Amino acid sequence: MKWKRALAIVGLVLICSLYLIALVLAFSHSAESKKWLMAAIYSTVVIPVFIYAAQLVIRVIRPNDNNNDTDTTK
Protein backbone atom coordinates (compact mmCIF):
# COMPACT_ATOMS: atom_id res chain seq x y z
CA MET A 1 0.00 0.00 0.00
CA LYS A 2 1.58 3.20 -1.15
CA TRP A 3 -0.22 5.51 1.29
CA LYS A 4 1.28 3.66 4.26
CA ARG A 5 4.76 4.13 2.87
CA ALA A 6 4.06 7.82 2.24
CA LEU A 7 2.84 8.33 5.82
CA ALA A 8 5.91 6.56 7.17
CA ILE A 9 8.26 8.72 5.10
CA VAL A 10 6.53 11.93 6.20
CA GLY A 11 6.77 10.88 9.85
CA LEU A 12 10.43 9.96 9.49
CA VAL A 13 11.26 13.29 7.87
CA LEU A 14 9.44 15.21 10.61
CA ILE A 15 11.15 13.36 13.44
CA CYS A 16 14.62 13.58 11.86
CA SER A 17 14.24 17.28 11.11
CA LEU A 18 13.24 18.01 14.72
CA TYR A 19 16.29 16.16 16.04
CA LEU A 20 18.52 17.96 13.52
CA ILE A 21 17.16 21.35 14.62
CA ALA A 22 17.69 20.42 18.28
CA LEU A 23 21.26 19.34 17.57
CA VAL A 24 22.13 22.50 15.64
CA LEU A 25 20.63 24.72 18.33
CA ALA A 26 22.50 22.84 21.06
CA PHE A 27 25.83 23.53 19.36
CA SER A 28 24.96 27.19 18.83
CA HIS A 29 24.21 27.58 22.55
CA SER A 30 20.73 28.86 21.88
CA ALA A 31 18.31 29.41 24.75
CA GLU A 32 15.63 27.56 22.80
CA SER A 33 17.66 24.35 22.41
CA LYS A 34 16.11 22.64 25.45
CA LYS A 35 12.61 23.35 24.15
CA TRP A 36 13.48 21.92 20.72
CA LEU A 37 14.96 18.80 22.31
CA MET A 38 11.82 18.27 24.35
CA ALA A 39 9.73 18.77 21.20
CA ALA A 40 11.82 16.17 19.37
CA ILE A 41 11.46 13.65 22.21
CA TYR A 42 7.72 14.31 22.43
CA SER A 43 7.29 13.94 18.67
CA THR A 44 9.15 10.62 18.71
CA VAL A 45 6.09 9.21 20.46
CA VAL A 46 3.29 11.39 19.13
CA ILE A 47 4.00 11.32 15.38
CA PRO A 48 3.91 7.49 15.07
CA VAL A 49 0.69 7.43 17.13
CA PHE A 50 -0.92 9.93 14.75
CA ILE A 51 0.26 7.94 11.74
CA TYR A 52 -1.24 4.78 13.24
CA ALA A 53 -4.50 6.62 13.93
CA ALA A 54 -4.59 7.90 10.34
CA GLN A 55 -4.14 4.34 9.07
CA LEU A 56 -7.03 3.18 11.26
CA VAL A 57 -9.26 5.98 9.98
CA ILE A 58 -8.42 5.14 6.38
CA ARG A 59 -9.12 1.46 7.07
CA VAL A 60 -12.55 2.36 8.53
CA ILE A 61 -13.39 4.72 5.67
CA ARG A 62 -12.45 2.14 3.02
CA PRO A 63 -13.27 -1.28 4.52
CA ASN A 64 -13.54 -3.01 1.13
CA ASP A 65 -9.81 -2.99 0.52
CA ASN A 66 -8.87 -6.29 -1.11
CA ASN A 67 -5.18 -6.11 -0.13
CA ASN A 68 -5.86 -6.84 3.57
CA ASP A 69 -2.96 -4.61 4.65
CA THR A 70 -0.29 -6.50 2.75
CA ASP A 71 2.09 -4.86 0.35
CA THR A 72 1.96 -7.09 -2.72
CA THR A 73 4.42 -5.73 -5.23
CA LYS A 74 5.11 -8.04 -8.12
C-alpha atoms as a PDB file:
ATOM      1  CA  MET A   1       0.000   0.000   0.000  1.00  0.00           C
ATOM      2  CA  LYS A   2       1.584   3.201  -1.150  1.00  0.00           C
ATOM      3  CA  TRP A   3      -0.217   5.505   1.291  1.00  0.00           C
ATOM      4  CA  LYS A   4       1.276   3.664   4.259  1.00  0.00           C
ATOM      5  CA  ARG A   5       4.755   4.128   2.867  1.00  0.00           C
ATOM      6  CA  ALA A   6       4.064   7.823   2.243  1.00  0.00           C
ATOM      7  CA  LEU A   7       2.838   8.326   5.815  1.00  0.00           C
ATOM      8  CA  ALA A   8       5.909   6.559   7.169  1.00  0.00           C
ATOM      9  CA  ILE A   9       8.262   8.716   5.102  1.00  0.00           C
ATOM     10  CA  VAL A  10       6.526  11.926   6.200  1.00  0.00           C
ATOM     11  CA  GLY A  11       6.773  10.880   9.846  1.00  0.00           C
ATOM     12  CA  LEU A  12      10.433   9.959   9.490  1.00  0.00           C
ATOM     13  CA  VAL A  13      11.257  13.290   7.868  1.00  0.00           C
ATOM     14  CA  LEU A  14       9.437  15.209  10.613  1.00  0.00           C
ATOM     15  CA  ILE A  15      11.154  13.357  13.439  1.00  0.00           C
ATOM     16  CA  CYS A  16      14.618  13.581  11.860  1.00  0.00           C
ATOM     17  CA  SER A  17      14.238  17.281  11.114  1.00  0.00           C
ATOM     18  CA  LEU A  18      13.239  18.014  14.718  1.00  0.00           C
ATOM     19  CA  TYR A  19      16.293  16.164  16.039  1.00  0.00           C
ATOM     20  CA  LEU A  20      18.522  17.963  13.525  1.00  0.00           C
ATOM     21  CA  ILE A  21      17.164  21.346  14.622  1.00  0.00           C
ATOM     22  CA  ALA A  22      17.689  20.415  18.281  1.00  0.00           C
ATOM     23  CA  LEU A  23      21.264  19.336  17.571  1.00  0.00           C
ATOM     24  CA  VAL A  24      22.126  22.501  15.643  1.00  0.00           C
ATOM     25  CA  LEU A  25      20.633  24.725  18.331  1.00  0.00           C
ATOM     26  CA  ALA A  26      22.497  22.843  21.056  1.00  0.00           C
ATOM     27  CA  PHE A  27      25.830  23.530  19.362  1.00  0.00           C
ATOM     28  CA  SER A  28      24.957  27.186  18.827  1.00  0.00           C
ATOM     29  CA  HIS A  29      24.213  27.579  22.555  1.00  0.00           C
ATOM     30  CA  SER A  30      20.728  28.855  21.881  1.00  0.00           C
ATOM     31  CA  ALA A  31      18.313  29.410  24.748  1.00  0.00           C
ATOM     32  CA  GLU A  32      15.631  27.556  22.800  1.00  0.00           C
ATOM     33  CA  SER A  33      17.659  24.347  22.412  1.00  0.00           C
ATOM     34  CA  LYS A  34      16.105  22.643  25.446  1.00  0.00           C
ATOM     35  CA  LYS A  35      12.607  23.346  24.149  1.00  0.00           C
ATOM     36  CA  TRP A  36      13.476  21.917  20.722  1.00  0.00           C
ATOM     37  CA  LEU A  37      14.964  18.799  22.308  1.00  0.00           C
ATOM     38  CA  MET A  38      11.817  18.265  24.350  1.00  0.00           C
ATOM     39  CA  ALA A  39       9.726  18.770  21.199  1.00  0.00           C
ATOM     40  CA  ALA A  40      11.819  16.168  19.375  1.00  0.00           C
ATOM     41  CA  ILE A  41      11.461  13.649  22.207  1.00  0.00           C
ATOM     42  CA  TYR A  42       7.718  14.305  22.429  1.00  0.00           C
ATOM     43  CA  SER A  43       7.286  13.939  18.671  1.00  0.00           C
ATOM     44  CA  THR A  44       9.149  10.624  18.708  1.00  0.00           C
ATOM     45  CA  VAL A  45       6.090   9.212  20.465  1.00  0.00           C
ATOM     46  CA  VAL A  46       3.289  11.385  19.130  1.00  0.00           C
ATOM     47  CA  ILE A  47       3.995  11.320  15.376  1.00  0.00           C
ATOM     48  CA  PRO A  48       3.908   7.493  15.070  1.00  0.00           C
ATOM     49  CA  VAL A  49       0.691   7.434  17.128  1.00  0.00           C
ATOM     50  CA  PHE A  50      -0.921   9.930  14.751  1.00  0.00           C
ATOM     51  CA  ILE A  51       0.264   7.935  11.735  1.00  0.00           C
ATOM     52  CA  TYR A  52      -1.242   4.776  13.235  1.00  0.00           C
ATOM     53  CA  ALA A  53      -4.500   6.624  13.931  1.00  0.00           C
ATOM     54  CA  ALA A  54      -4.587   7.901  10.340  1.00  0.00           C
ATOM     55  CA  GLN A  55      -4.139   4.339   9.072  1.00  0.00           C
ATOM     56  CA  LEU A  56      -7.030   3.184  11.262  1.00  0.00           C
ATOM     57  CA  VAL A  57      -9.258   5.978   9.979  1.00  0.00           C
ATOM     58  CA  ILE A  58      -8.423   5.141   6.375  1.00  0.00           C
ATOM     59  CA  ARG A  59      -9.123   1.459   7.074  1.00  0.00           C
ATOM     60  CA  VAL A  60     -12.545   2.360   8.529  1.00  0.00           C
ATOM     61  CA  ILE A  61     -13.392   4.718   5.671  1.00  0.00           C
ATOM     62  CA  ARG A  62     -12.450   2.138   3.019  1.00  0.00           C
ATOM     63  CA  PRO A  63     -13.269  -1.280   4.523  1.00  0.00           C
ATOM     64  CA  ASN A  64     -13.540  -3.010   1.130  1.00  0.00           C
ATOM     65  CA  ASP A  65      -9.814  -2.990   0.523  1.00  0.00           C
ATOM     66  CA  ASN A  66      -8.870  -6.292  -1.108  1.00  0.00           C
ATOM     67  CA  ASN A  67      -5.182  -6.111  -0.133  1.00  0.00           C
ATOM     68  CA  ASN A  68      -5.859  -6.843   3.566  1.00  0.00           C
ATOM     69  CA  ASP A  69      -2.964  -4.612   4.647  1.00  0.00           C
ATOM     70  CA  THR A  70      -0.286  -6.500   2.745  1.00  0.00           C
ATOM     71  CA  ASP A  71       2.090  -4.862   0.345  1.00  0.00           C
ATOM     72  CA  THR A  72       1.963  -7.092  -2.725  1.00  0.00           C
ATOM     73  CA  THR A  73       4.424  -5.731  -5.230  1.00  0.00           C
ATOM     74  CA  LYS A  74       5.107  -8.040  -8.123  1.00  0.00           C
END
